[in-house]
Amino acid sequence: MNEFLKMDIFFLVTTIAVVLFASLGTAILWRLVRILKNIDRISEQIASVFNFFGARKKQSRKND
């Protein structure tokens, strides 16, 4: 087999592998960012609920 043909096949396979791994990595990072945004939104909602009930508890103690 010609040496240049071997090199061409190697670089073709390597290029395909790099593109596939880069695409997979990008997809994983994109999903991870979406998951982290959802976690942040949920934690903000939980904090607001705790703040609401904390203020309500203070107000009820104040009225007693």
PDB file of N, CA and C in Angstrom:
ATOM      1  N   MET A   1       0.842  -1.171   0.000  1.00  0.00           N
ATOM      2  CA  MET A   1       0.000   0.000   0.000  1.00  0.00           C
ATOM      3  C   MET A   1       0.894   1.243   0.000  1.00  0.00           C
ATOM      4  N   ASN A   2       0.497   2.200  -0.723  1.00  0.00           N
ATOM      5  CA  ASN A   2       1.268   3.425  -0.856  1.00  0.00           C
ATOM      6  C   ASN A   2       1.271   4.181   0.487  1.00  0.00           C
ATOM      7  N   GLU A   3       2.412   4.742   0.850  1.00  0.00           N
ATOM      8  CA  GLU A   3       2.538   5.454   2.120  1.00  0.00           C
ATOM      9  C   GLU A   3       1.612   6.670   2.188  1.00  0.00           C
ATOM     10  N   PHE A   4       1.487   7.370   1.080  1.00  0.00           N
ATOM     11  CA  PHE A   4       0.612   8.541   1.061  1.00  0.00           C
ATOM     12  C   PHE A   4      -0.851   8.136   1.234  1.00  0.00           C
ATOM     13  N   LEU A   5      -1.236   6.999   0.699  1.00  0.00           N
ATOM     14  CA  LEU A   5      -2.599   6.511   0.867  1.00  0.00           C
ATOM     15  C   LEU A   5      -2.861   6.168   2.329  1.00  0.00           C
ATOM     16  N   LYS A   6      -1.872   5.553   2.980  1.00  0.00           N
ATOM     17  CA  LYS A   6      -2.002   5.238   4.400  1.00  0.00           C
ATOM     18  C   LYS A   6      -2.160   6.517   5.225  1.00  0.00           C
ATOM     19  N   MET A   7      -1.374   7.533   4.898  1.00  0.00           N
ATOM     20  CA  MET A   7      -1.472   8.804   5.616  1.00  0.00           C
ATOM     21  C   MET A   7      -2.832   9.451   5.393  1.00  0.00           C
ATOM     22  N   ASP A   8      -3.311   9.409   4.166  1.00  0.00           N
ATOM     23  CA  ASP A   8      -4.615  10.006   3.860  1.00  0.00           C
ATOM     24  C   ASP A   8      -5.725   9.308   4.640  1.00  0.00           C
ATOM     25  N   ILE A   9      -5.681   7.990   4.696  1.00  0.00           N
ATOM     26  CA  ILE A   9      -6.694   7.238   5.439  1.00  0.00           C
ATOM     27  C   ILE A   9      -6.599   7.571   6.922  1.00  0.00           C
ATOM     28  N   PHE A  10      -5.387   7.623   7.446  1.00  0.00           N
ATOM     29  CA  PHE A  10      -5.200   7.946   8.860  1.00  0.00           C
ATOM     30  C   PHE A  10      -5.764   9.329   9.180  1.00  0.00           C
ATOM     31  N   PHE A  11      -5.436  10.315   8.376  1.00  0.00           N
ATOM     32  CA  PHE A  11      -5.905  11.671   8.647  1.00  0.00           C
ATOM     33  C   PHE A  11      -7.418  11.797   8.445  1.00  0.00           C
ATOM     34  N   LEU A  12      -7.975  11.070   7.527  1.00  0.00           N
ATOM     35  CA  LEU A  12      -9.422  11.068   7.338  1.00  0.00           C
ATOM     36  C   LEU A  12     -10.116  10.498   8.570  1.00  0.00           C
ATOM     37  N   VAL A  13      -9.637   9.359   9.039  1.00  0.00           N
ATOM     38  CA  VAL A  13     -10.235   8.731  10.220  1.00  0.00           C
ATOM     39  C   VAL A  13     -10.052   9.620  11.448  1.00  0.00           C
ATOM     40  N   THR A  14      -8.882  10.209  11.589  1.00  0.00           N
ATOM     41  CA  THR A  14      -8.614  11.092  12.719  1.00  0.00           C
ATOM     42  C   THR A  14      -9.513  12.324  12.678  1.00  0.00           C
ATOM     43  N   THR A  15      -9.688  12.897  11.507  1.00  0.00           N
ATOM     44  CA  THR A  15     -10.549  14.073  11.369  1.00  0.00           C
ATOM     45  C   THR A  15     -11.990  13.741  11.719  1.00  0.00           C
ATOM     46  N   ILE A  16     -12.474  12.620  11.259  1.00  0.00           N
ATOM     47  CA  ILE A  16     -13.840  12.199  11.583  1.00  0.00           C
ATOM     48  C   ILE A  16     -13.989  11.983  13.082  1.00  0.00           C
ATOM     49  N   ALA A  17     -12.999  11.346  13.709  1.00  0.00           N
ATOM     50  CA  ALA A  17     -13.060  11.104  15.154  1.00  0.00           C
ATOM     51  C   ALA A  17     -13.054  12.417  15.934  1.00  0.00           C
ATOM     52  N   VAL A  18     -12.220  13.356  15.526  1.00  0.00           N
ATOM     53  CA  VAL A  18     -12.156  14.645  16.219  1.00  0.00           C
ATOM     54  C   VAL A  18     -13.477  15.390  16.080  1.00  0.00           C
ATOM     55  N   VAL A  19     -14.062  15.384  14.904  1.00  0.00           N
ATOM     56  CA  VAL A  19     -15.345  16.067  14.700  1.00  0.00           C
ATOM     57  C   VAL A  19     -16.440  15.408  15.538  1.00  0.00           C
ATOM     58  N   LEU A  20     -16.462  14.098  15.585  1.00  0.00           N
ATOM     59  CA  LEU A  20     -17.475  13.404  16.386  1.00  0.00           C
ATOM     60  C   LEU A  20     -17.309  13.683  17.873  1.00  0.00           C
ATOM     61  N   PHE A  21     -16.081  13.624  18.377  1.00  0.00           N
ATOM     62  CA  PHE A  21     -15.852  13.894  19.794  1.00  0.00           C
ATOM     63  C   PHE A  21     -16.140  15.350  20.143  1.00  0.00           C
ATOM     64  N   ALA A  22     -15.819  16.263  19.244  1.00  0.00           N
ATOM     65  CA  ALA A  22     -16.121  17.676  19.487  1.00  0.00           C
ATOM     66  C   ALA A  22     -17.634  17.899  19.514  1.00  0.00           C
ATOM     67  N   SER A  23     -18.350  17.266  18.618  1.00  0.00           N
ATOM     68  CA  SER A  23     -19.813  17.383  18.601  1.00  0.00           C
ATOM     69  C   SER A  23     -20.419  16.781  19.863  1.00  0.00           C
ATOM     70  N   LEU A  24     -19.933  15.645  20.263  1.00  0.00           N
ATOM     71  CA  LEU A  24     -20.428  15.001  21.478  1.00  0.00           C
ATOM     72  C   LEU A  24     -20.123  15.865  22.701  1.00  0.00           C
ATOM     73  N   GLY A  25     -18.929  16.408  22.770  1.00  0.00           N
ATOM     74  CA  GLY A  25     -18.562  17.278  23.884  1.00  0.00           C
ATOM     75  C   GLY A  25     -19.419  18.533  23.933  1.00  0.00           C
ATOM     76  N   THR A  26     -19.684  19.110  22.784  1.00  0.00           N
ATOM     77  CA  THR A  26     -20.531  20.296  22.717  1.00  0.00           C
ATOM     78  C   THR A  26     -21.949  19.975  23.177  1.00  0.00           C
ATOM     79  N   ALA A  27     -22.479  18.857  22.742  1.00  0.00           N
ATOM     80  CA  ALA A  27     -23.832  18.461  23.149  1.00  0.00           C
ATOM     81  C   ALA A  27     -23.900  18.223  24.652  1.00  0.00           C
ATOM     82  N   ILE A  28     -22.895  17.586  25.208  1.00  0.00           N
ATOM     83  CA  ILE A  28     -22.874  17.323  26.651  1.00  0.00           C
ATOM     84  C   ILE A  28     -22.783  18.632  27.432  1.00  0.00           C
ATOM     85  N   LEU A  29     -21.918  19.536  26.999  1.00  0.00           N
ATOM     86  CA  LEU A  29     -21.797  20.820  27.689  1.00  0.00           C
ATOM     87  C   LEU A  29     -23.074  21.640  27.593  1.00  0.00           C
ATOM     88  N   TRP A  30     -23.735  21.607  26.447  1.00  0.00           N
ATOM     89  CA  TRP A  30     -24.985  22.337  26.260  1.00  0.00           C
ATOM     90  C   TRP A  30     -26.049  21.819  27.218  1.00  0.00           C
ATOM     91  N   ARG A  31     -26.154  20.492  27.319  1.00  0.00           N
ATOM     92  CA  ARG A  31     -27.129  19.903  28.242  1.00  0.00           C
ATOM     93  C   ARG A  31     -26.780  20.232  29.691  1.00  0.00           C
ATOM     94  N   LEU A  32     -25.497  20.201  30.021  1.00  0.00           N
ATOM     95  CA  LEU A  32     -25.051  20.506  31.378  1.00  0.00           C
ATOM     96  C   LEU A  32     -25.396  21.948  31.743  1.00  0.00           C
ATOM     97  N   VAL A  33     -25.219  22.868  30.821  1.00  0.00           N
ATOM     98  CA  VAL A  33     -25.567  24.270  31.075  1.00  0.00           C
ATOM     99  C   VAL A  33     -27.067  24.401  31.306  1.00  0.00           C
ATOM    100  N   ARG A  34     -27.867  23.731  30.514  1.00  0.00           N
ATOM    101  CA  ARG A  34     -29.324  23.788  30.704  1.00  0.00           C
ATOM    102  C   ARG A  34     -29.736  23.219  32.059  1.00  0.00           C
ATOM    103  N   ILE A  35     -29.105  22.112  32.462  1.00  0.00           N
ATOM    104  CA  ILE A  35     -29.413  21.505  33.760  1.00  0.00           C
ATOM    105  C   ILE A  35     -29.030  22.452  34.891  1.00  0.00           C
ATOM    106  N   LEU A  36     -27.865  23.082  34.787  1.00  0.00           N
ATOM    107  CA  LEU A  36     -27.426  24.007  35.826  1.00  0.00           C
ATOM    108  C   LEU A  36     -28.316  25.249  35.892  1.00  0.00           C
ATOM    109  N   LYS A  37     -28.803  25.721  34.766  1.00  0.00           N
ATOM    110  CA  LYS A  37     -29.738  26.847  34.774  1.00  0.00           C
ATOM    111  C   LYS A  37     -31.041  26.456  35.468  1.00  0.00           C
ATOM    112  N   ASN A  38     -31.521  25.250  35.208  1.00  0.00           N
ATOM    113  CA  ASN A  38     -32.740  24.785  35.866  1.00  0.00           C
ATOM    114  C   ASN A  38     -32.543  24.658  37.369  1.00  0.00           C
ATOM    115  N   ILE A  39     -31.395  24.143  37.784  1.00  0.00           N
ATOM    116  CA  ILE A  39     -31.099  24.017  39.210  1.00  0.00           C
ATOM    117  C   ILE A  39     -31.049  25.392  39.856  1.00  0.00           C
ATOM    118  N   ASP A  40     -30.446  26.361  39.173  1.00  0.00           N
ATOM    119  CA  ASP A  40     -30.375  27.719  39.700  1.00  0.00           C
ATOM    120  C   ASP A  40     -31.774  28.317  39.843  1.00  0.00           C
ATOM    121  N   ARG A  41     -32.603  28.122  38.848  1.00  0.00           N
ATOM    122  CA  ARG A  41     -33.977  28.647  38.895  1.00  0.00           C
ATOM    123  C   ARG A  41     -34.772  28.007  40.029  1.00  0.00           C
ATOM    124  N   ILE A  42     -34.622  26.700  40.208  1.00  0.00           N
ATOM    125  CA  ILE A  42     -35.329  25.997  41.274  1.00  0.00           C
ATOM    126  C   ILE A  42     -34.845  26.462  42.641  1.00  0.00           C
ATOM    127  N   SER A  43     -33.548  26.651  42.798  1.00  0.00           N
ATOM    128  CA  SER A  43     -33.030  27.108  44.094  1.00  0.00           C
ATOM    129  C   SER A  43     -33.498  28.522  44.403  1.00  0.00           C
ATOM    130  N   GLU A  44     -33.622  29.383  43.391  1.00  0.00           N
ATOM    131  CA  GLU A  44     -34.164  30.728  43.617  1.00  0.00           C
ATOM    132  C   GLU A  44     -35.617  30.662  44.049  1.00  0.00           C
ATOM    133  N   GLN A  45     -36.393  29.761  43.456  1.00  0.00           N
ATOM    134  CA  GLN A  45     -37.796  29.615  43.847  1.00  0.00           C
ATOM    135  C   GLN A  45     -37.911  29.107  45.278  1.00  0.00           C
ATOM    136  N   ILE A  46     -37.059  28.170  45.637  1.00  0.00           N
ATOM    137  CA  ILE A  46     -37.084  27.638  47.006  1.00  0.00           C
ATOM    138  C   ILE A  46     -36.686  28.728  47.996  1.00  0.00           C
ATOM    139  N   ALA A  47     -35.680  29.522  47.644  1.00  0.00           N
ATOM    140  CA  ALA A  47     -35.261  30.615  48.526  1.00  0.00           C
ATOM    141  C   ALA A  47     -36.375  31.635  48.705  1.00  0.00           C
ATOM    142  N   SER A  48     -37.097  31.938  47.642  1.00  0.00           N
ATOM    143  CA  SER A  48     -38.192  32.906  47.767  1.00  0.00           C
ATOM    144  C   SER A  48     -39.316  32.359  48.642  1.00  0.00           C
ATOM    145  N   VAL A  49     -39.580  31.068  48.568  1.00  0.00           N
ATOM    146  CA  VAL A  49     -40.599  30.459  49.422  1.00  0.00           C
ATOM    147  C   VAL A  49     -40.157  30.534  50.882  1.00  0.00           C
ATOM    148  N   PHE A  50     -38.886  30.224  51.159  1.00  0.00           N
ATOM    149  CA  PHE A  50     -38.389  30.313  52.530  1.00  0.00           C
ATOM    150  C   PHE A  50     -38.426  31.752  53.026  1.00  0.00           C
ATOM    151  N   ASN A  51     -38.094  32.704  52.172  1.00  0.00           N
ATOM    152  CA  ASN A  51     -38.163  34.112  52.576  1.00  0.00           C
ATOM    153  C   ASN A  51     -39.595  34.528  52.880  1.00  0.00           C
ATOM    154  N   PHE A  52     -40.542  34.062  52.070  1.00  0.00           N
ATOM    155  CA  PHE A  52     -41.950  34.376  52.294  1.00  0.00           C
ATOM    156  C   PHE A  52     -42.410  33.848  53.643  1.00  0.00           C
ATOM    157  N   PHE A  53     -42.117  32.580  53.924  1.00  0.00           N
ATOM    158  CA  PHE A  53     -42.561  31.997  55.180  1.00  0.00           C
ATOM    159  C   PHE A  53     -41.782  32.558  56.364  1.00  0.00           C
ATOM    160  N   GLY A  54     -40.529  32.936  56.149  1.00  0.00           N
ATOM    161  CA  GLY A  54     -39.762  33.572  57.226  1.00  0.00           C
ATOM    162  C   GLY A  54     -40.333  34.921  57.584  1.00  0.00           C
ATOM    163  N   ALA A  55     -40.692  35.713  56.579  1.00  0.00           N
ATOM    164  CA  ALA A  55     -41.300  37.023  56.835  1.00  0.00           C
ATOM    165  C   ALA A  55     -42.664  36.851  57.485  1.00  0.00           C
ATOM    166  N   ARG A  56     -43.398  35.865  57.065  1.00  0.00           N
ATOM    167  CA  ARG A  56     -44.724  35.606  57.634  1.00  0.00           C
ATOM    168  C   ARG A  56     -44.601  35.194  59.105  1.00  0.00           C
ATOM    169  N   LYS A  57     -43.565  34.391  59.406  1.00  0.00           N
ATOM    170  CA  LYS A  57     -43.353  33.950  60.779  1.00  0.00           C
ATOM    171  C   LYS A  57     -42.971  35.138  61.667  1.00  0.00           C
ATOM    172  N   LYS A  58     -42.131  36.032  61.156  1.00  0.00           N
ATOM    173  CA  LYS A  58     -41.749  37.227  61.907  1.00  0.00           C
ATOM    174  C   LYS A  58     -42.974  38.100  62.174  1.00  0.00           C
ATOM    175  N   GLN A  59     -43.817  38.220  61.153  1.00  0.00           N
ATOM    176  CA  GLN A  59     -45.007  39.055  61.274  1.00  0.00           C
ATOM    177  C   GLN A  59     -45.972  38.455  62.305  1.00  0.00           C
ATOM    178  N   SER A  60     -46.102  37.148  62.326  1.00  0.00           N
ATOM    179  CA  SER A  60     -47.007  36.512  63.286  1.00  0.00           C
ATOM    180  C   SER A  60     -46.454  36.640  64.716  1.00  0.00           C
ATOM    181  N   ARG A  61     -45.133  36.606  64.886  1.00  0.00           N
ATOM    182  CA  ARG A  61     -44.542  36.814  66.203  1.00  0.00           C
ATOM    183  C   ARG A  61     -44.736  38.259  66.654  1.00  0.00           C
ATOM    184  N   LYS A  62     -44.666  39.179  65.693  1.00  0.00           N
ATOM    185  CA  LYS A  62     -44.829  40.588  65.995  1.00  0.00           C
ATOM    186  C   LYS A  62     -46.253  40.884  66.472  1.00  0.00           C
ATOM    187  N   ASN A  63     -47.222  40.187  65.891  1.00  0.00           N
ATOM    188  CA  ASN A  63     -48.625  40.410  66.242  1.00  0.00           C
ATOM    189  C   ASN A  63     -48.996  39.756  67.565  1.00  0.00           C
ATOM    190  N   ASP A  64     -48.212  38.792  68.006  1.00  0.00           N
ATOM    191  CA  ASP A  64     -48.549  38.091  69.290  1.00  0.00           C
ATOM    192  C   ASP A  64     -48.210  38.883  70.483  1.00  0.00           C
TER     193      ASP A  64
END
